[in-house]
Amino acid sequence: MFSEKNYLMIGNTRWHWASKRKKDWKYFHTSPNPIEFKDKDYSQLTWASVGSVPENIKLCPSNKINLDDVPLINLPPYLGIDRALASWSAYKKQSSFTSKEQGLIVIDAGTIMSVTKITKKGVFAGGQLISGLRLQLSSMANGSLNLENPVIKTIPIETFQHETKNAMIKGAINGLLGLIIKLLEETKLPIWMCGGDAPIILNELKKTNIDINYCPNLVLEGMIDIDQKINSI
């Protein structure tokens, strides 16, 4: 699977990869520390991490993308590198096709759904964090004796549900949708979204007039752009 140039973002629950083959980029996602890559040479990978890094893969420290590499302003030292990379990527994309300077909101709908505001000058302006869809469901199941973690096959249609598992799913997704709607009402800023739960959320938002820029590989695209800048110096 490894080819000319490869990138790895180690997430909390999944690993995210970008691989260049000739002029094309391929993006894919795996379980942590995938067994199918156990014999691969990880030393040439450009990488970043928000999750734990296994010792057996031998990543090269000099190939790591750090927070200081991200050319946004006022990034706090404790900010997750995934948020910073997604924000930089979205900021660049918006700047390239809009004539009206304005800030933006970046939402990464992963294990934790992160919300990040970036001003029109590329300044980090804070954000919000909320448990992602599946984490909400597992938290309810783990925190209650009588609840089981439901498998998400479809999002229930009716507002009020009789089955407990459907009530959990409907409540969790509505909480995330409510946050997004409130963000738009309060800021009127364009929203850029990535993350594993983004397709589910966007499908639910089809029922509204909300327009969101969906770019599933914002984080990896940010890594690629920053690595190219570093190597061009």
C-alpha atoms as a PDB file:
ATOM      1  CA  MET A   1       0.000   0.000   0.000  1.00  0.00           C
ATOM      2  CA  PHE A   2       2.957   2.346   0.603  1.00  0.00           C
ATOM      3  CA  SER A   3       4.196   4.163  -2.498  1.00  0.00           C
ATOM      4  CA  GLU A   4       6.088   7.305  -3.538  1.00  0.00           C
ATOM      5  CA  LYS A   5       5.079   9.562  -0.647  1.00  0.00           C
ATOM      6  CA  ASN A   6       3.075   8.557   2.416  1.00  0.00           C
ATOM      7  CA  TYR A   7       1.450  10.304   5.355  1.00  0.00           C
ATOM      8  CA  LEU A   8      -0.071   8.971   8.553  1.00  0.00           C
ATOM      9  CA  MET A   9      -2.306  10.668  11.105  1.00  0.00           C
ATOM     10  CA  ILE A  10      -2.658   8.542  14.233  1.00  0.00           C
ATOM     11  CA  GLY A  11      -6.104   9.271  15.618  1.00  0.00           C
ATOM     12  CA  ASN A  12      -7.821   8.273  18.829  1.00  0.00           C
ATOM     13  CA  THR A  13      -9.727   5.346  17.323  1.00  0.00           C
ATOM     14  CA  ARG A  14      -8.558   5.112  13.692  1.00  0.00           C
ATOM     15  CA  TRP A  15      -5.434   5.689  11.610  1.00  0.00           C
ATOM     16  CA  HIS A  16      -5.671   7.923   8.551  1.00  0.00           C
ATOM     17  CA  TRP A  17      -3.377   7.604   5.537  1.00  0.00           C
ATOM     18  CA  ALA A  18      -2.489   9.499   2.376  1.00  0.00           C
ATOM     19  CA  SER A  19      -0.439   7.855  -0.338  1.00  0.00           C
ATOM     20  CA  LYS A  20       0.788   9.467  -3.557  1.00  0.00           C
ATOM     21  CA  ARG A  21       0.945   7.384  -6.696  1.00  0.00           C
ATOM     22  CA  LYS A  22       2.314   9.286  -9.641  1.00  0.00           C
ATOM     23  CA  LYS A  23       0.161  12.459  -9.610  1.00  0.00           C
ATOM     24  CA  ASP A  24      -2.787  11.068  -7.685  1.00  0.00           C
ATOM     25  CA  TRP A  25      -3.424  10.952  -3.945  1.00  0.00           C
ATOM     26  CA  LYS A  26      -5.217   8.051  -2.336  1.00  0.00           C
ATOM     27  CA  TYR A  27      -6.759   8.424   1.115  1.00  0.00           C
ATOM     28  CA  PHE A  28      -7.739   5.493   3.296  1.00  0.00           C
ATOM     29  CA  HIS A  29      -8.446   4.649   6.925  1.00  0.00           C
ATOM     30  CA  THR A  30      -7.597   1.629   9.040  1.00  0.00           C
ATOM     31  CA  SER A  31      -7.834   0.255  12.531  1.00  0.00           C
ATOM     32  CA  PRO A  32      -4.980   1.315  14.858  1.00  0.00           C
ATOM     33  CA  ASN A  33      -1.631  -0.398  14.240  1.00  0.00           C
ATOM     34  CA  PRO A  34      -3.021  -2.442  11.298  1.00  0.00           C
ATOM     35  CA  ILE A  35      -1.630  -5.947  11.110  1.00  0.00           C
ATOM     36  CA  GLU A  36      -1.486  -5.845   7.287  1.00  0.00           C
ATOM     37  CA  PHE A  37       1.266  -3.205   7.535  1.00  0.00           C
ATOM     38  CA  LYS A  38       3.326  -4.936  10.248  1.00  0.00           C
ATOM     39  CA  ASP A  39       6.238  -5.643   7.894  1.00  0.00           C
ATOM     40  CA  LYS A  40       6.272  -2.211   6.243  1.00  0.00           C
ATOM     41  CA  ASP A  41       9.007   0.369   6.696  1.00  0.00           C
ATOM     42  CA  TYR A  42       7.466   3.254   8.646  1.00  0.00           C
ATOM     43  CA  SER A  43      10.708   5.233   8.893  1.00  0.00           C
ATOM     44  CA  GLN A  44      10.009   7.334   5.786  1.00  0.00           C
ATOM     45  CA  LEU A  45       6.440   8.239   6.706  1.00  0.00           C
ATOM     46  CA  THR A  46       5.539  11.849   7.410  1.00  0.00           C
ATOM     47  CA  TRP A  47       3.276  11.630  10.418  1.00  0.00           C
ATOM     48  CA  ALA A  48       1.390  13.322  13.237  1.00  0.00           C
ATOM     49  CA  SER A  49      -0.494  11.969  16.210  1.00  0.00           C
ATOM     50  CA  VAL A  50      -3.301  12.668  18.619  1.00  0.00           C
ATOM     51  CA  GLY A  51      -3.531   9.039  19.725  1.00  0.00           C
ATOM     52  CA  SER A  52      -0.976   6.716  21.313  1.00  0.00           C
ATOM     53  CA  VAL A  53       1.971   5.719  19.130  1.00  0.00           C
ATOM     54  CA  PRO A  54       2.947   2.023  19.252  1.00  0.00           C
ATOM     55  CA  GLU A  55       6.649   1.406  19.751  1.00  0.00           C
ATOM     56  CA  ASN A  56       6.838  -1.356  17.163  1.00  0.00           C
ATOM     57  CA  ILE A  57       6.283   0.812  14.086  1.00  0.00           C
ATOM     58  CA  LYS A  58       9.515   2.860  14.447  1.00  0.00           C
ATOM     59  CA  LEU A  59       8.348   6.248  13.206  1.00  0.00           C
ATOM     60  CA  CYS A  60      11.100   8.783  12.577  1.00  0.00           C
ATOM     61  CA  PRO A  61      10.878  11.761  14.986  1.00  0.00           C
ATOM     62  CA  SER A  62      12.281  14.172  12.385  1.00  0.00           C
ATOM     63  CA  ASN A  63       9.368  13.342  10.051  1.00  0.00           C
ATOM     64  CA  LYS A  64       6.738  14.372  12.588  1.00  0.00           C
ATOM     65  CA  ILE A  65       4.466  17.346  11.835  1.00  0.00           C
ATOM     66  CA  ASN A  66       4.187  19.458  14.981  1.00  0.00           C
ATOM     67  CA  LEU A  67       1.923  22.288  16.044  1.00  0.00           C
ATOM     68  CA  ASP A  68       4.701  24.812  15.442  1.00  0.00           C
ATOM     69  CA  ASP A  69       4.729  23.804  11.774  1.00  0.00           C
ATOM     70  CA  VAL A  70       1.156  24.990  11.219  1.00  0.00           C
ATOM     71  CA  PRO A  71       1.197  28.609   9.944  1.00  0.00           C
ATOM     72  CA  LEU A  72      -1.913  29.809  11.763  1.00  0.00           C
ATOM     73  CA  ILE A  73      -1.688  32.567  14.375  1.00  0.00           C
ATOM     74  CA  ASN A  74      -2.228  32.238  18.125  1.00  0.00           C
ATOM     75  CA  LEU A  75      -2.462  28.441  18.231  1.00  0.00           C
ATOM     76  CA  PRO A  76      -2.373  27.368  21.895  1.00  0.00           C
ATOM     77  CA  PRO A  77       0.329  24.792  22.696  1.00  0.00           C
ATOM     78  CA  TYR A  78      -2.243  22.259  23.923  1.00  0.00           C
ATOM     79  CA  LEU A  79      -4.344  22.283  20.725  1.00  0.00           C
ATOM     80  CA  GLY A  80      -4.698  18.910  18.984  1.00  0.00           C
ATOM     81  CA  ILE A  81      -2.595  18.737  15.828  1.00  0.00           C
ATOM     82  CA  ASP A  82      -5.574  17.311  13.928  1.00  0.00           C
ATOM     83  CA  ARG A  83      -7.619  20.456  14.677  1.00  0.00           C
ATOM     84  CA  ALA A  84      -4.749  22.679  13.624  1.00  0.00           C
ATOM     85  CA  LEU A  85      -4.158  20.805  10.355  1.00  0.00           C
ATOM     86  CA  ALA A  86      -7.848  20.729   9.420  1.00  0.00           C
ATOM     87  CA  SER A  87      -8.151  24.441  10.211  1.00  0.00           C
ATOM     88  CA  TRP A  88      -5.141  25.347   8.101  1.00  0.00           C
ATOM     89  CA  SER A  89      -6.411  23.276   5.177  1.00  0.00           C
ATOM     90  CA  ALA A  90      -9.897  24.813   5.338  1.00  0.00           C
ATOM     91  CA  TYR A  91      -8.458  28.324   5.706  1.00  0.00           C
ATOM     92  CA  LYS A  92      -6.335  27.850   2.593  1.00  0.00           C
ATOM     93  CA  LYS A  93      -9.218  26.428   0.583  1.00  0.00           C
ATOM     94  CA  GLN A  94     -11.579  29.228   1.545  1.00  0.00           C
ATOM     95  CA  SER A  95      -8.972  31.898   0.835  1.00  0.00           C
ATOM     96  CA  SER A  96      -8.422  30.506  -2.658  1.00  0.00           C
ATOM     97  CA  PHE A  97     -11.980  30.841  -3.906  1.00  0.00           C
ATOM     98  CA  THR A  98     -13.672  33.621  -1.972  1.00  0.00           C
ATOM     99  CA  SER A  99     -13.311  37.300  -2.801  1.00  0.00           C
ATOM    100  CA  LYS A 100     -14.903  38.372   0.477  1.00  0.00           C
ATOM    101  CA  GLU A 101     -12.583  38.041   3.433  1.00  0.00           C
ATOM    102  CA  GLN A 102     -14.313  36.340   6.323  1.00  0.00           C
ATOM    103  CA  GLY A 103     -13.659  33.924   9.117  1.00  0.00           C
ATOM    104  CA  LEU A 104     -14.701  30.296   9.099  1.00  0.00           C
ATOM    105  CA  ILE A 105     -15.744  27.415  11.334  1.00  0.00           C
ATOM    106  CA  VAL A 106     -14.054  24.022  11.048  1.00  0.00           C
ATOM    107  CA  ILE A 107     -15.862  20.949  12.374  1.00  0.00           C
ATOM    108  CA  ASP A 108     -14.092  17.615  12.689  1.00  0.00           C
ATOM    109  CA  ALA A 109     -16.814  15.061  13.405  1.00  0.00           C
ATOM    110  CA  GLY A 110     -14.701  12.279  14.841  1.00  0.00           C
ATOM    111  CA  THR A 111     -14.533  10.508  18.203  1.00  0.00           C
ATOM    112  CA  ILE A 112     -14.691  13.992  19.684  1.00  0.00           C
ATOM    113  CA  MET A 113     -16.505  16.520  17.516  1.00  0.00           C
ATOM    114  CA  SER A 114     -14.274  19.573  17.568  1.00  0.00           C
ATOM    115  CA  VAL A 115     -15.381  23.036  16.522  1.00  0.00           C
ATOM    116  CA  THR A 116     -12.687  25.590  15.676  1.00  0.00           C
ATOM    117  CA  LYS A 117     -13.073  29.231  14.686  1.00  0.00           C
ATOM    118  CA  ILE A 118     -10.442  30.842  12.467  1.00  0.00           C
ATOM    119  CA  THR A 119     -10.605  34.569  11.714  1.00  0.00           C
ATOM    120  CA  LYS A 120     -10.213  36.062   8.253  1.00  0.00           C
ATOM    121  CA  LYS A 121      -6.586  36.818   9.145  1.00  0.00           C
ATOM    122  CA  GLY A 122      -5.805  33.202  10.024  1.00  0.00           C
ATOM    123  CA  VAL A 123      -5.987  33.650  13.780  1.00  0.00           C
ATOM    124  CA  PHE A 124      -7.190  30.847  16.051  1.00  0.00           C
ATOM    125  CA  ALA A 125     -10.237  32.240  17.874  1.00  0.00           C
ATOM    126  CA  GLY A 126     -11.228  29.333  20.109  1.00  0.00           C
ATOM    127  CA  GLY A 127     -13.755  26.577  19.716  1.00  0.00           C
ATOM    128  CA  GLN A 128     -15.906  23.938  21.317  1.00  0.00           C
ATOM    129  CA  LEU A 129     -15.662  20.210  21.993  1.00  0.00           C
ATOM    130  CA  ILE A 130     -18.471  17.705  22.293  1.00  0.00           C
ATOM    131  CA  SER A 131     -18.572  13.913  22.399  1.00  0.00           C
ATOM    132  CA  GLY A 132     -18.983  12.503  18.897  1.00  0.00           C
ATOM    133  CA  LEU A 133     -21.970  10.408  17.878  1.00  0.00           C
ATOM    134  CA  ARG A 134     -20.564   7.001  18.756  1.00  0.00           C
ATOM    135  CA  LEU A 135     -18.856   8.233  21.898  1.00  0.00           C
ATOM    136  CA  GLN A 136     -22.163   9.640  23.131  1.00  0.00           C
ATOM    137  CA  LEU A 137     -23.823   6.279  22.595  1.00  0.00           C
ATOM    138  CA  SER A 138     -21.061   4.292  24.275  1.00  0.00           C
ATOM    139  CA  SER A 139     -20.993   6.758  27.182  1.00  0.00           C
ATOM    140  CA  MET A 140     -24.717   6.278  27.757  1.00  0.00           C
ATOM    141  CA  ALA A 141     -24.305   2.508  27.658  1.00  0.00           C
ATOM    142  CA  ASN A 142     -21.293   2.513  29.975  1.00  0.00           C
ATOM    143  CA  GLY A 143     -22.885   4.927  32.408  1.00  0.00           C
ATOM    144  CA  SER A 144     -26.212   3.143  32.806  1.00  0.00           C
ATOM    145  CA  LEU A 145     -27.050  -0.371  33.922  1.00  0.00           C
ATOM    146  CA  ASN A 146     -29.982  -0.796  31.551  1.00  0.00           C
ATOM    147  CA  LEU A 147     -28.668   0.700  28.310  1.00  0.00           C
ATOM    148  CA  GLU A 148     -26.808  -1.144  25.562  1.00  0.00           C
ATOM    149  CA  ASN A 149     -24.572   0.483  22.957  1.00  0.00           C
ATOM    150  CA  PRO A 150     -26.650   0.474  19.754  1.00  0.00           C
ATOM    151  CA  VAL A 151     -25.293  -0.242  16.277  1.00  0.00           C
ATOM    152  CA  ILE A 152     -26.042   2.646  13.928  1.00  0.00           C
ATOM    153  CA  LYS A 153     -27.635   1.254  10.767  1.00  0.00           C
ATOM    154  CA  THR A 154     -29.916   4.174   9.957  1.00  0.00           C
ATOM    155  CA  ILE A 155     -30.911   7.360  11.740  1.00  0.00           C
ATOM    156  CA  PRO A 156     -34.530   7.084  12.960  1.00  0.00           C
ATOM    157  CA  ILE A 157     -36.906   9.458  11.169  1.00  0.00           C
ATOM    158  CA  GLU A 158     -39.552  10.254  13.756  1.00  0.00           C
ATOM    159  CA  THR A 159     -38.686  12.787  16.447  1.00  0.00           C
ATOM    160  CA  PHE A 160     -39.927  10.597  19.301  1.00  0.00           C
ATOM    161  CA  GLN A 161     -38.869   6.965  19.425  1.00  0.00           C
ATOM    162  CA  HIS A 162     -40.334   3.997  21.302  1.00  0.00           C
ATOM    163  CA  GLU A 163     -37.305   1.687  21.130  1.00  0.00           C
ATOM    164  CA  THR A 164     -34.546   2.639  23.548  1.00  0.00           C
ATOM    165  CA  LYS A 165     -31.698   2.155  21.067  1.00  0.00           C
ATOM    166  CA  ASN A 166     -33.421   4.395  18.520  1.00  0.00           C
ATOM    167  CA  ALA A 167     -34.144   6.999  21.187  1.00  0.00           C
ATOM    168  CA  MET A 168     -30.431   7.059  22.044  1.00  0.00           C
ATOM    169  CA  ILE A 169     -29.395   7.475  18.408  1.00  0.00           C
ATOM    170  CA  LYS A 170     -31.990  10.146  17.706  1.00  0.00           C
ATOM    171  CA  GLY A 171     -31.097  12.126  20.813  1.00  0.00           C
ATOM    172  CA  ALA A 172     -27.354  11.973  20.129  1.00  0.00           C
ATOM    173  CA  ILE A 173     -27.595  13.055  16.492  1.00  0.00           C
ATOM    174  CA  ASN A 174     -30.029  15.859  17.345  1.00  0.00           C
ATOM    175  CA  GLY A 175     -27.575  17.167  19.932  1.00  0.00           C
ATOM    176  CA  LEU A 176     -24.859  17.446  17.277  1.00  0.00           C
ATOM    177  CA  LEU A 177     -27.213  18.981  14.730  1.00  0.00           C
ATOM    178  CA  GLY A 178     -28.407  21.503  17.309  1.00  0.00           C
ATOM    179  CA  LEU A 179     -24.837  22.627  17.950  1.00  0.00           C
ATOM    180  CA  ILE A 180     -24.210  23.163  14.232  1.00  0.00           C
ATOM    181  CA  ILE A 181     -27.450  25.084  13.742  1.00  0.00           C
ATOM    182  CA  LYS A 182     -26.670  27.306  16.727  1.00  0.00           C
ATOM    183  CA  LEU A 183     -23.166  27.996  15.408  1.00  0.00           C
ATOM    184  CA  LEU A 184     -24.608  29.192  12.120  1.00  0.00           C
ATOM    185  CA  GLU A 185     -27.215  31.336  13.819  1.00  0.00           C
ATOM    186  CA  GLU A 186     -24.628  33.020  16.042  1.00  0.00           C
ATOM    187  CA  THR A 187     -21.733  33.470  13.595  1.00  0.00           C
ATOM    188  CA  LYS A 188     -23.158  33.427  10.031  1.00  0.00           C
ATOM    189  CA  LEU A 189     -19.753  32.032   9.035  1.00  0.00           C
ATOM    190  CA  PRO A 190     -19.087  29.318   6.440  1.00  0.00           C
ATOM    191  CA  ILE A 191     -18.570  25.849   7.897  1.00  0.00           C
ATOM    192  CA  TRP A 192     -16.024  23.293   6.709  1.00  0.00           C
ATOM    193  CA  MET A 193     -16.476  19.724   7.860  1.00  0.00           C
ATOM    194  CA  CYS A 194     -14.469  16.504   7.938  1.00  0.00           C
ATOM    195  CA  GLY A 195     -14.395  13.414  10.161  1.00  0.00           C
ATOM    196  CA  GLY A 196     -15.838   9.908  10.178  1.00  0.00           C
ATOM    197  CA  ASP A 197     -19.341  10.922  11.288  1.00  0.00           C
ATOM    198  CA  ALA A 198     -19.583  13.804   8.819  1.00  0.00           C
ATOM    199  CA  PRO A 199     -21.570  11.846   6.159  1.00  0.00           C
ATOM    200  CA  ILE A 200     -24.231  10.892   8.725  1.00  0.00           C
ATOM    201  CA  ILE A 201     -24.520  14.460   9.973  1.00  0.00           C
ATOM    202  CA  LEU A 202     -24.605  15.935   6.474  1.00  0.00           C
ATOM    203  CA  ASN A 203     -27.323  13.514   5.427  1.00  0.00           C
ATOM    204  CA  GLU A 204     -29.473  14.760   8.296  1.00  0.00           C
ATOM    205  CA  LEU A 205     -28.731  18.371   7.370  1.00  0.00           C
ATOM    206  CA  LYS A 206     -30.165  17.783   3.884  1.00  0.00           C
ATOM    207  CA  LYS A 207     -33.538  18.420   5.477  1.00  0.00           C
ATOM    208  CA  THR A 208     -32.472  22.002   6.235  1.00  0.00           C
ATOM    209  CA  ASN A 209     -31.192  24.897   4.143  1.00  0.00           C
ATOM    210  CA  ILE A 210     -27.768  24.698   5.739  1.00  0.00           C
ATOM    211  CA  ASP A 211     -24.868  24.678   3.291  1.00  0.00           C
ATOM    212  CA  ILE A 212     -21.640  23.056   4.519  1.00  0.00           C
ATOM    213  CA  ASN A 213     -18.335  22.570   2.719  1.00  0.00           C
ATOM    214  CA  TYR A 214     -17.574  18.874   3.104  1.00  0.00           C
ATOM    215  CA  CYS A 215     -13.911  17.912   2.638  1.00  0.00           C
ATOM    216  CA  PRO A 216     -13.331  14.456   4.130  1.00  0.00           C
ATOM    217  CA  ASN A 217      -9.521  14.681   4.017  1.00  0.00           C
ATOM    218  CA  LEU A 218      -8.908  18.142   5.465  1.00  0.00           C
ATOM    219  CA  VAL A 219      -6.421  16.890   8.074  1.00  0.00           C
ATOM    220  CA  LEU A 220      -4.319  14.854   5.651  1.00  0.00           C
ATOM    221  CA  GLU A 221      -4.415  17.598   3.029  1.00  0.00           C
ATOM    222  CA  GLY A 222      -3.133  19.980   5.679  1.00  0.00           C
ATOM    223  CA  MET A 223      -0.271  17.578   6.445  1.00  0.00           C
ATOM    224  CA  ILE A 224       0.667  17.320   2.773  1.00  0.00           C
ATOM    225  CA  ASP A 225       0.635  21.092   2.270  1.00  0.00           C
ATOM    226  CA  ILE A 226       2.726  21.814   5.359  1.00  0.00           C
ATOM    227  CA  ASP A 227       5.240  19.060   4.585  1.00  0.00           C
ATOM    228  CA  GLN A 228       5.698  20.475   1.087  1.00  0.00           C
ATOM    229  CA  LYS A 229       6.293  23.940   2.555  1.00  0.00           C
ATOM    230  CA  ILE A 230       8.874  22.564   4.988  1.00  0.00           C
ATOM    231  CA  ASN A 231      10.744  20.704   2.253  1.00  0.00           C
ATOM    232  CA  SER A 232      10.719  23.669  -0.100  1.00  0.00           C
ATOM    233  CA  ILE A 233      12.597  25.892   2.358  1.00  0.00           C
END
